Amino acid sequence: MNKKRFVKGNLKKGASDEVLSFTESVSNDWRLYKYDIAGSIAHATMLAECDIITSGEKDAIAGALKEIENEIDSGKFEFKYELEDIHMNIEASLAERIGETGKKLHTARSRNDQVSLDLRLWMRDQINDIVVLISKCQSELVCKGKDNIEIIMPGFTHLQHAQPILAAHYLLAYVEMLERDKGRLKDCLKRVNVSPLGSCALAGTTLPTDPKITAGLLGFDSVCANSIDAISDRDFCAEFAFCLSSLFSHLSRLSEDWILWSSEEFGFIDLDDSFCTGSSMMPQKKNPDCLELMRGKCGRIYGNLTSLLTLIKGLPLGYNRDMQEDKEAVFDSAETAVKCLSLLKDLIKGSNFRESGINKIIDKGFLDATAFAEYLVKKGTPFREAHKIVGEIVQKCSELSCAFNELSIDKLKEFSNMIENDVYEVLGAKNCVKNLKSFGSSSPEFVRMRLKEWESALAGV
């Protein structure tokens, strides 16, 4: 590659090959080319409307920029690493094509506000794309819930049997989590969608520009009100990285559940073979590698957030070259999120609950103990006393290796004379779920209602 030395400003010589290699960012920020070109066309339009360049010059700039975009799209454009970044690559090519007119594009603009602009435009699209993918995952969870509305399974706290729940209720828990993730991303978008263009290098410009024109052309809600803040702000990058970290905490938890549940010890879930791998040595293995990698990538996403927070924590106000390091973190997080969500929606669709495996253990672990205690409460027993009584019955059943409903009514009455024959109507996993009443519970009536509400909310995604 021809690395011609470009001498800038009052520098007497160009950078060495080693420095060029160390400082270039085009190997990463090439991803911004469409946004850089869109921003440049909007900037040229504003310059023309403010009579800083002519309408003919604006048209020439816009036409050449579209040619460059087409060349990059088709893979014909040659990126030059000695030009450092995507911005200078495009600007230099523009000048080569239309001469002095091309050199006018950078009027009233700095790479400081330009890079912030491009990153905000890119991030805006990423947020919208990721929100759509999250909705598709939610839709698959809802469909899976509808298909398995009759399945009752153990609910866990501390990874111990706690209370019986509907499998659909479990799936809807992740739908709720993902909805919060979407909400965070949409809220982040409000702070992303503010135009920094017009702030220039730091203090603004003496030229009669109108930043509201470029903001309107590019679909921004408003313009940054402080030029110093505009070019030095990377809060929106950290917030975006946090939103994806929160998302991945939920993807990782779902992955952990299904990794465990697909094991022989649980036998709750069957994963489609296409999302699993075999062993190079053990022929019987069916490893949930996609879920394990998704769980592992959560750490990578967290690392990107930590990297960004560390990057910005001690920077002096204004633009600093450290900020070049922001892009690798946000690019990687966004690309990882898109890959994982795209895969997850298909993995959910291809997975099935193993009702036979669930039924083997549904009546183990005294899942109906809380319902038993609440039965006594309805009879007038204070809850703490009811809790104690049922605990004693658990001990007796453990000694006898039996369930509550396998004890005779006479045996049960030894623990409380409040217990009557109607106790058998509340014991057992199916009765527990059937008798649930509270809002947000695993009540079949409530879960069916929520499935319909979510199906309607997610229609068309």
Protein backbone atom coordinates (compact mmCIF):
# COMPACT_ATOMS: atom_id res chain seq x y z
CA MET A 1 0.00 0.00 0.00
CA ASN A 2 1.31 3.44 -0.87
CA LYS A 3 1.64 5.31 2.41
CA LYS A 4 2.26 8.86 1.27
CA ARG A 5 3.19 11.14 4.13
CA PHE A 6 0.47 13.72 4.73
CA VAL A 7 1.75 16.81 6.54
CA LYS A 8 -0.90 18.71 8.51
CA GLY A 9 -0.94 22.28 9.75
CA ASN A 10 2.36 23.34 11.27
CA LEU A 11 3.83 19.81 11.37
CA LYS A 12 7.08 19.61 9.44
CA LYS A 13 6.87 15.95 8.49
CA GLY A 14 4.33 13.15 8.17
CA ALA A 15 3.86 10.24 10.52
CA SER A 16 5.96 7.09 10.29
CA ASP A 17 4.50 3.78 9.13
CA GLU A 18 4.41 2.62 12.72
CA VAL A 19 2.48 5.69 13.86
CA LEU A 20 0.08 5.43 10.91
CA SER A 21 -0.64 1.83 11.80
CA PHE A 22 -1.11 2.73 15.45
CA THR A 23 -3.41 5.70 14.91
CA GLU A 24 -5.61 4.60 11.99
CA SER A 25 -9.23 3.77 12.69
CA VAL A 26 -10.61 3.15 9.21
CA SER A 27 -10.29 -0.59 9.78
CA ASN A 28 -13.18 -0.16 12.23
CA ASP A 29 -14.99 3.06 11.43
CA TRP A 30 -15.52 2.17 7.75
CA ARG A 31 -18.88 0.96 9.07
CA LEU A 32 -19.90 4.62 9.32
CA TYR A 33 -19.51 5.42 5.63
CA LYS A 34 -23.21 5.69 4.80
CA TYR A 35 -23.76 7.96 7.77
CA ASP A 36 -20.70 10.06 6.98
CA ILE A 37 -21.95 10.59 3.45
CA ALA A 38 -25.51 11.35 4.57
CA GLY A 39 -24.17 13.86 7.11
CA SER A 40 -21.91 15.46 4.52
CA ILE A 41 -24.74 15.88 2.01
CA ALA A 42 -26.89 17.49 4.70
CA HIS A 43 -23.98 19.74 5.71
CA ALA A 44 -23.42 20.83 2.09
CA THR A 45 -27.14 21.54 1.74
CA MET A 46 -27.02 23.73 4.84
CA LEU A 47 -23.94 25.57 3.56
CA ALA A 48 -25.77 26.31 0.30
CA GLU A 49 -28.93 27.50 2.06
CA CYS A 50 -26.78 29.82 4.18
CA ASP A 51 -25.05 31.16 1.04
CA ILE A 52 -21.64 29.88 2.15
CA ILE A 53 -21.33 27.73 -1.00
CA THR A 54 -23.37 27.89 -4.21
CA SER A 55 -26.22 25.60 -5.14
CA GLY A 56 -24.11 24.25 -8.00
CA GLU A 57 -21.25 23.44 -5.63
CA LYS A 58 -23.68 21.66 -3.33
CA ASP A 59 -24.99 19.55 -6.21
CA ALA A 60 -21.46 18.65 -7.31
CA ILE A 61 -20.53 17.63 -3.77
CA ALA A 62 -23.69 15.56 -3.32
CA GLY A 63 -23.28 13.83 -6.67
CA ALA A 64 -19.65 12.89 -6.02
CA LEU A 65 -20.48 11.66 -2.52
CA LYS A 66 -23.16 9.37 -3.92
CA GLU A 67 -20.62 8.00 -6.40
CA ILE A 68 -18.27 7.26 -3.51
CA GLU A 69 -21.08 5.53 -1.59
CA ASN A 70 -21.86 3.33 -4.59
CA GLU A 71 -18.21 2.37 -4.89
CA ILE A 72 -17.98 1.44 -1.22
CA ASP A 73 -21.23 -0.54 -1.51
CA SER A 74 -19.81 -2.52 -4.41
CA GLY A 75 -16.40 -3.04 -2.79
CA LYS A 76 -14.53 -0.99 -5.41
CA PHE A 77 -13.44 1.84 -3.13
CA GLU A 78 -9.84 1.73 -1.94
CA PHE A 79 -9.46 2.73 1.70
CA LYS A 80 -6.15 4.38 2.51
CA TYR A 81 -4.96 3.77 6.03
CA GLU A 82 -2.62 6.76 5.91
CA LEU A 83 -5.75 8.93 5.81
CA GLU A 84 -6.56 7.60 9.29
CA ASP A 85 -10.33 7.32 9.28
CA ILE A 86 -13.47 7.01 7.17
CA HIS A 87 -14.03 10.77 7.25
CA MET A 88 -10.71 11.71 5.66
CA ASN A 89 -10.91 8.83 3.18
CA ILE A 90 -14.20 10.11 1.85
CA GLU A 91 -13.16 13.77 1.91
CA ALA A 92 -9.88 13.08 0.10
CA SER A 93 -11.67 11.05 -2.57
CA LEU A 94 -14.21 13.86 -2.96
CA ALA A 95 -11.43 16.40 -3.57
CA GLU A 96 -9.79 14.10 -6.13
CA ARG A 97 -13.05 13.92 -8.05
CA ILE A 98 -14.27 17.54 -8.03
CA GLY A 99 -11.19 19.52 -7.01
CA GLU A 100 -11.47 22.79 -5.09
CA THR A 101 -15.23 22.44 -4.70
CA GLY A 102 -14.72 19.24 -2.73
CA LYS A 103 -12.38 21.06 -0.39
CA LYS A 104 -15.19 23.43 0.57
CA LEU A 105 -17.22 20.66 2.22
CA HIS A 106 -15.31 20.86 5.50
CA THR A 107 -16.22 24.53 5.92
CA ALA A 108 -17.76 25.15 9.37
CA ARG A 109 -17.20 21.53 10.36
CA SER A 110 -14.59 19.61 12.32
CA ARG A 111 -13.95 15.91 12.53
CA ASN A 112 -14.87 16.37 16.18
CA ASP A 113 -18.53 17.10 15.49
CA GLN A 114 -18.49 14.96 12.35
CA VAL A 115 -17.52 11.74 14.14
CA SER A 116 -20.09 12.35 16.87
CA LEU A 117 -22.73 12.90 14.21
CA ASP A 118 -21.86 9.72 12.31
CA LEU A 119 -21.83 7.65 15.48
CA ARG A 120 -25.23 8.98 16.54
CA LEU A 121 -26.73 8.26 13.12
CA TRP A 122 -25.30 4.73 13.15
CA MET A 123 -26.47 4.10 16.71
CA ARG A 124 -29.97 5.31 15.92
CA ASP A 125 -30.30 2.64 13.25
CA GLN A 126 -28.77 -0.01 15.50
CA ILE A 127 -31.25 0.72 18.26
CA ASN A 128 -34.19 0.47 15.89
CA ASP A 129 -32.91 -2.80 14.41
CA ILE A 130 -32.22 -4.34 17.82
CA VAL A 131 -35.65 -3.34 19.13
CA VAL A 132 -37.25 -5.18 16.18
CA LEU A 133 -35.17 -8.29 16.86
CA ILE A 134 -36.12 -8.23 20.54
CA SER A 135 -39.78 -8.06 19.53
CA LYS A 136 -39.32 -11.12 17.30
CA CYS A 137 -37.82 -13.05 20.23
CA GLN A 138 -40.76 -11.97 22.39
CA SER A 139 -43.17 -13.14 19.73
CA GLU A 140 -41.57 -16.59 19.65
CA LEU A 141 -41.77 -16.81 23.44
CA VAL A 142 -45.47 -15.94 23.31
CA CYS A 143 -46.09 -18.54 20.59
CA LYS A 144 -44.26 -21.14 22.64
CA GLY A 145 -46.38 -20.18 25.66
CA LYS A 146 -49.61 -20.62 23.69
CA ASP A 147 -48.45 -24.03 22.49
CA ASN A 148 -47.69 -25.16 26.04
CA ILE A 149 -50.45 -23.49 28.03
CA GLU A 150 -51.44 -26.74 29.77
CA ILE A 151 -47.95 -27.66 30.99
CA ILE A 152 -47.35 -27.20 34.72
CA MET A 153 -43.76 -27.22 35.89
CA PRO A 154 -41.80 -26.61 39.07
CA GLY A 155 -40.96 -23.01 39.82
CA PHE A 156 -37.65 -22.48 41.59
CA THR A 157 -36.16 -20.19 44.19
CA HIS A 158 -32.57 -20.84 45.29
CA LEU A 159 -32.71 -23.55 42.59
CA GLN A 160 -34.97 -25.53 44.93
CA HIS A 161 -38.56 -26.55 44.22
CA ALA A 162 -40.75 -23.65 45.30
CA GLN A 163 -44.24 -23.51 43.77
CA PRO A 164 -45.86 -24.95 40.65
CA ILE A 165 -46.15 -22.59 37.68
CA LEU A 166 -47.40 -22.72 34.13
CA ALA A 167 -44.64 -23.09 31.55
CA ALA A 168 -46.31 -20.23 29.69
CA HIS A 169 -46.01 -18.03 32.79
CA TYR A 170 -42.29 -18.79 32.91
CA LEU A 171 -41.89 -17.82 29.24
CA LEU A 172 -43.86 -14.60 29.77
CA ALA A 173 -41.41 -13.61 32.51
CA TYR A 174 -38.74 -13.28 29.81
CA VAL A 175 -41.17 -11.41 27.57
CA GLU A 176 -41.51 -8.84 30.37
CA MET A 177 -37.73 -8.60 30.83
CA LEU A 178 -37.20 -8.07 27.11
CA GLU A 179 -39.90 -5.40 27.07
CA ARG A 180 -37.93 -3.45 29.68
CA ASP A 181 -34.82 -3.86 27.53
CA LYS A 182 -36.71 -2.39 24.59
CA GLY A 183 -37.91 0.46 26.79
CA ARG A 184 -34.36 1.27 27.87
CA LEU A 185 -33.14 1.31 24.27
CA LYS A 186 -36.02 3.54 23.18
CA ASP A 187 -35.29 5.91 26.04
CA CYS A 188 -31.59 5.90 25.13
CA LEU A 189 -32.61 6.89 21.61
CA LYS A 190 -33.97 10.19 22.95
CA ARG A 191 -30.46 11.21 24.00
CA VAL A 192 -28.82 9.75 20.92
CA ASN A 193 -31.11 11.63 18.56
CA VAL A 194 -29.62 15.08 19.17
CA SER A 195 -27.45 16.63 16.45
CA PRO A 196 -23.91 17.77 17.36
CA LEU A 197 -23.19 19.08 13.87
CA GLY A 198 -22.38 22.78 13.92
CA SER A 199 -20.36 22.59 17.11
CA CYS A 200 -17.20 22.27 14.99
CA ALA A 201 -13.94 21.63 16.83
CA LEU A 202 -14.95 23.05 20.23
CA ALA A 203 -16.30 26.61 20.27
CA GLY A 204 -18.50 26.76 17.18
CA THR A 205 -17.85 28.94 14.12
CA THR A 206 -17.82 32.60 13.06
CA LEU A 207 -19.60 31.65 9.82
CA PRO A 208 -23.38 32.19 9.52
CA THR A 209 -24.45 28.54 9.71
CA ASP A 210 -27.81 27.10 10.76
CA PRO A 211 -27.44 23.74 12.58
CA LYS A 212 -31.21 23.33 12.68
CA ILE A 213 -31.20 22.78 8.93
CA THR A 214 -28.86 19.77 9.12
CA ALA A 215 -30.68 18.46 12.19
CA GLY A 216 -33.99 18.55 10.30
CA LEU A 217 -32.54 16.96 7.17
CA LEU A 218 -31.07 14.10 9.20
CA GLY A 219 -34.15 13.46 11.32
CA PHE A 220 -32.80 14.65 14.67
CA ASP A 221 -35.17 15.85 17.35
CA SER A 222 -32.99 18.78 18.40
CA VAL A 223 -29.51 20.32 18.32
CA CYS A 224 -26.86 20.14 21.05
CA ALA A 225 -27.03 23.41 22.99
CA ASN A 226 -23.37 23.50 24.09
CA SER A 227 -20.61 23.03 21.53
CA ILE A 228 -18.04 21.89 24.12
CA ASP A 229 -20.37 19.22 25.47
CA ALA A 230 -21.43 18.20 21.96
CA ILE A 231 -17.96 17.20 20.76
CA SER A 232 -16.82 15.63 24.03
CA ASP A 233 -20.01 13.73 24.95
CA ARG A 234 -19.84 9.96 24.85
CA ASP A 235 -22.55 9.40 27.46
CA PHE A 236 -24.78 8.08 24.72
CA CYS A 237 -22.21 5.39 23.88
CA ALA A 238 -22.00 4.26 27.50
CA GLU A 239 -25.78 4.31 27.83
CA PHE A 240 -26.18 2.23 24.68
CA ALA A 241 -23.58 -0.24 26.00
CA PHE A 242 -25.43 -0.42 29.32
CA CYS A 243 -28.75 -1.09 27.59
CA LEU A 244 -27.16 -4.00 25.73
CA SER A 245 -25.54 -5.21 28.95
CA SER A 246 -28.96 -5.32 30.59
CA LEU A 247 -30.34 -7.15 27.57
CA PHE A 248 -27.56 -9.71 27.74
CA SER A 249 -28.07 -10.29 31.44
CA HIS A 250 -31.52 -11.57 30.47
CA LEU A 251 -30.29 -13.56 27.47
CA SER A 252 -27.66 -15.13 29.70
CA ARG A 253 -30.23 -16.10 32.35
CA LEU A 254 -32.49 -17.70 29.77
CA SER A 255 -29.48 -19.52 28.34
CA GLU A 256 -28.53 -20.78 31.80
CA ASP A 257 -32.06 -22.07 32.41
CA TRP A 258 -32.21 -23.94 29.14
CA ILE A 259 -28.69 -25.32 29.44
CA LEU A 260 -29.69 -26.84 32.78
CA TRP A 261 -33.14 -27.88 31.61
CA SER A 262 -31.81 -29.69 28.55
CA SER A 263 -29.62 -31.90 30.75
CA GLU A 264 -30.63 -35.42 31.73
CA GLU A 265 -30.91 -34.32 35.37
CA PHE A 266 -33.74 -31.94 34.49
CA GLY A 267 -35.11 -33.18 31.17
CA PHE A 268 -37.45 -30.17 30.82
CA ILE A 269 -36.40 -28.93 27.38
CA ASP A 270 -35.48 -30.49 24.04
CA LEU A 271 -33.23 -28.27 21.94
CA ASP A 272 -33.28 -28.64 18.19
CA ASP A 273 -30.18 -30.50 16.97
CA SER A 274 -29.25 -27.61 14.68
CA PHE A 275 -28.41 -25.47 17.74
CA CYS A 276 -26.27 -28.13 19.41
CA THR A 277 -22.97 -29.88 18.73
CA GLY A 278 -21.59 -33.33 19.37
CA SER A 279 -18.41 -34.36 21.10
CA SER A 280 -15.15 -35.24 19.33
CA MET A 281 -14.82 -38.20 21.70
CA MET A 282 -18.17 -39.05 23.31
CA PRO A 283 -20.73 -40.17 20.71
CA GLN A 284 -23.77 -39.71 22.97
CA LYS A 285 -23.26 -36.00 23.59
CA LYS A 286 -25.65 -33.24 22.54
CA ASN A 287 -24.05 -30.04 23.77
CA PRO A 288 -26.06 -26.78 23.98
CA ASP A 289 -23.17 -24.78 22.50
CA CYS A 290 -25.22 -21.89 21.10
CA LEU A 291 -26.71 -21.20 24.51
CA GLU A 292 -23.32 -21.56 26.19
CA LEU A 293 -21.77 -19.09 23.76
CA MET A 294 -24.65 -16.67 24.30
CA ARG A 295 -24.10 -16.94 28.04
CA GLY A 296 -20.38 -16.38 27.49
CA LYS A 297 -20.86 -13.37 25.23
CA CYS A 298 -22.61 -11.61 28.10
CA GLY A 299 -19.18 -11.16 29.70
CA ARG A 300 -17.90 -9.66 26.47
CA ILE A 301 -20.76 -7.15 26.40
CA TYR A 302 -20.09 -6.23 30.04
CA GLY A 303 -16.42 -5.76 29.16
CA ASN A 304 -17.32 -3.28 26.42
CA LEU A 305 -19.38 -1.25 28.89
CA THR A 306 -16.51 -1.25 31.39
CA SER A 307 -14.14 -0.20 28.63
CA LEU A 308 -16.31 2.78 27.70
CA LEU A 309 -16.84 3.92 31.27
CA THR A 310 -13.12 3.69 31.95
CA LEU A 311 -12.39 5.54 28.70
CA ILE A 312 -14.44 8.61 29.57
CA LYS A 313 -14.03 8.79 33.34
CA GLY A 314 -10.92 10.99 33.45
CA LEU A 315 -10.83 12.83 30.13
CA PRO A 316 -10.30 16.60 30.27
CA LEU A 317 -13.24 18.44 28.74
CA GLY A 318 -13.09 18.73 24.96
CA TYR A 319 -12.20 16.23 22.29
CA ASN A 320 -9.36 13.82 23.04
CA ARG A 321 -8.02 11.12 20.73
CA ASP A 322 -8.81 8.52 23.41
CA MET A 323 -12.37 8.77 22.11
CA GLN A 324 -11.36 6.89 18.99
CA GLU A 325 -11.49 3.79 21.18
CA ASP A 326 -15.25 4.16 21.70
CA LYS A 327 -16.15 2.64 18.36
CA GLU A 328 -14.73 -0.84 18.76
CA ALA A 329 -16.75 -1.27 21.94
CA VAL A 330 -20.09 -0.10 20.56
CA PHE A 331 -19.60 -1.78 17.18
CA ASP A 332 -18.81 -5.09 18.84
CA SER A 333 -21.71 -4.88 21.30
CA ALA A 334 -24.22 -4.02 18.58
CA GLU A 335 -23.01 -6.71 16.19
CA THR A 336 -22.98 -9.31 18.97
CA ALA A 337 -26.53 -8.35 19.99
CA VAL A 338 -27.82 -8.65 16.42
CA LYS A 339 -26.21 -12.08 15.95
CA CYS A 340 -27.47 -13.45 19.25
CA LEU A 341 -31.02 -12.15 18.91
CA SER A 342 -31.27 -13.40 15.33
CA LEU A 343 -30.21 -16.86 16.48
CA LEU A 344 -32.28 -16.85 19.66
CA LYS A 345 -35.62 -16.33 17.94
CA ASP A 346 -35.01 -19.47 15.85
CA LEU A 347 -33.68 -21.42 18.82
CA ILE A 348 -36.83 -20.66 20.82
CA LYS A 349 -39.01 -21.70 17.91
CA GLY A 350 -37.15 -24.99 17.50
CA SER A 351 -37.16 -25.94 21.20
CA ASN A 352 -39.86 -27.96 22.94
CA PHE A 353 -40.87 -28.63 26.53
CA ARG A 354 -40.55 -32.28 27.54
CA GLU A 355 -43.83 -32.78 29.37
CA SER A 356 -42.93 -36.37 30.24
CA GLY A 357 -39.74 -35.24 31.96
CA ILE A 358 -41.51 -32.46 33.81
CA ASN A 359 -44.30 -34.77 34.98
CA LYS A 360 -41.80 -37.12 36.59
CA ILE A 361 -40.92 -34.55 39.22
CA ILE A 362 -43.85 -32.14 39.31
CA ASP A 363 -45.24 -33.65 42.52
CA LYS A 364 -41.86 -33.89 44.23
CA GLY A 365 -40.43 -31.27 46.55
CA PHE A 366 -43.74 -30.25 48.18
CA LEU A 367 -44.54 -27.57 45.62
CA ASP A 368 -48.01 -27.33 47.19
CA ALA A 369 -46.72 -26.39 50.66
CA THR A 370 -47.52 -22.68 50.31
CA ALA A 371 -51.00 -23.43 49.02
CA PHE A 372 -51.48 -25.77 52.00
CA ALA A 373 -50.47 -22.99 54.40
CA GLU A 374 -52.84 -20.55 52.68
CA TYR A 375 -55.63 -23.14 52.99
CA LEU A 376 -55.14 -22.99 56.75
CA VAL A 377 -55.12 -19.19 56.64
CA LYS A 378 -58.54 -19.28 54.94
CA LYS A 379 -59.73 -21.47 57.81
CA GLY A 380 -58.66 -18.79 60.31
CA THR A 381 -55.15 -19.89 61.25
CA PRO A 382 -52.56 -17.06 61.48
CA PHE A 383 -50.04 -17.41 58.66
CA ARG A 384 -47.01 -17.96 60.90
CA GLU A 385 -48.84 -20.74 62.71
CA ALA A 386 -49.98 -22.23 59.39
CA HIS A 387 -46.38 -22.07 58.16
CA LYS A 388 -45.24 -24.03 61.24
CA ILE A 389 -47.96 -26.65 60.88
CA VAL A 390 -47.21 -27.33 57.23
CA GLY A 391 -43.50 -27.49 58.00
CA GLU A 392 -44.22 -30.25 60.50
CA ILE A 393 -46.31 -32.11 57.92
CA VAL A 394 -43.42 -31.81 55.45
CA GLN A 395 -41.15 -33.52 57.98
CA LYS A 396 -43.66 -36.36 58.46
CA CYS A 397 -44.12 -36.84 54.72
CA SER A 398 -40.36 -36.88 54.24
CA GLU A 399 -40.08 -39.66 56.82
CA LEU A 400 -42.81 -41.62 55.07
CA SER A 401 -41.61 -40.76 51.53
CA CYS A 402 -45.05 -39.56 50.50
CA ALA A 403 -46.82 -36.43 49.29
CA PHE A 404 -49.33 -34.36 51.29
CA ASN A 405 -52.32 -35.78 49.45
CA GLU A 406 -51.17 -39.32 50.19
CA LEU A 407 -51.78 -38.81 53.90
CA SER A 408 -55.20 -39.71 55.22
CA ILE A 409 -57.45 -37.00 56.60
CA ASP A 410 -57.11 -38.50 60.07
CA LYS A 411 -53.32 -38.27 59.85
CA LEU A 412 -53.53 -34.66 58.65
CA LYS A 413 -55.88 -33.74 61.50
CA GLU A 414 -53.19 -34.77 63.97
CA PHE A 415 -51.43 -31.55 62.98
CA SER A 416 -54.48 -29.25 62.94
CA ASN A 417 -58.16 -29.73 63.55
CA MET A 418 -58.75 -26.99 60.96
CA ILE A 419 -57.93 -29.47 58.19
CA GLU A 420 -61.02 -30.92 56.50
CA ASN A 421 -61.68 -33.17 53.51
CA ASP A 422 -61.69 -30.15 51.21
CA VAL A 423 -57.91 -29.90 51.71
CA TYR A 424 -57.46 -32.40 48.88
CA GLU A 425 -58.94 -29.80 46.51
CA VAL A 426 -55.93 -27.54 47.08
CA LEU A 427 -53.15 -30.14 47.25
CA GLY A 428 -51.16 -31.25 44.22
CA ALA A 429 -49.53 -29.10 41.55
CA LYS A 430 -52.58 -28.89 39.29
CA ASN A 431 -54.86 -27.74 42.09
CA CYS A 432 -52.29 -25.17 43.23
CA VAL A 433 -52.12 -23.53 39.82
CA LYS A 434 -55.89 -23.75 39.29
CA ASN A 435 -56.55 -21.95 42.59
CA LEU A 436 -54.18 -19.03 42.06
CA LYS A 437 -56.04 -15.70 42.18
CA SER A 438 -53.64 -12.77 42.37
CA PHE A 439 -52.83 -10.34 39.58
CA GLY A 440 -49.58 -11.25 37.82
CA SER A 441 -49.70 -14.83 39.10
CA SER A 442 -49.47 -18.15 37.29
CA SER A 443 -53.26 -18.40 37.27
CA PRO A 444 -54.37 -20.05 33.99
CA GLU A 445 -56.98 -17.33 33.47
CA PHE A 446 -54.46 -14.53 33.97
CA VAL A 447 -51.75 -16.19 31.86
CA ARG A 448 -54.15 -16.77 28.98
CA MET A 449 -55.17 -13.12 29.17
CA ARG A 450 -51.54 -11.98 29.09
CA LEU A 451 -50.73 -14.25 26.16
CA LYS A 452 -53.55 -12.63 24.19
CA GLU A 453 -52.41 -9.14 25.19
CA TRP A 454 -48.83 -9.83 24.16
CA GLU A 455 -49.91 -11.50 20.93
CA SER A 456 -51.86 -8.36 20.05
CA ALA A 457 -49.03 -6.02 21.13
CA LEU A 458 -46.46 -7.93 19.06
CA ALA A 459 -48.63 -8.49 16.00
CA GLY A 460 -46.81 -7.71 12.78
CA VAL A 461 -43.22 -7.85 14.08
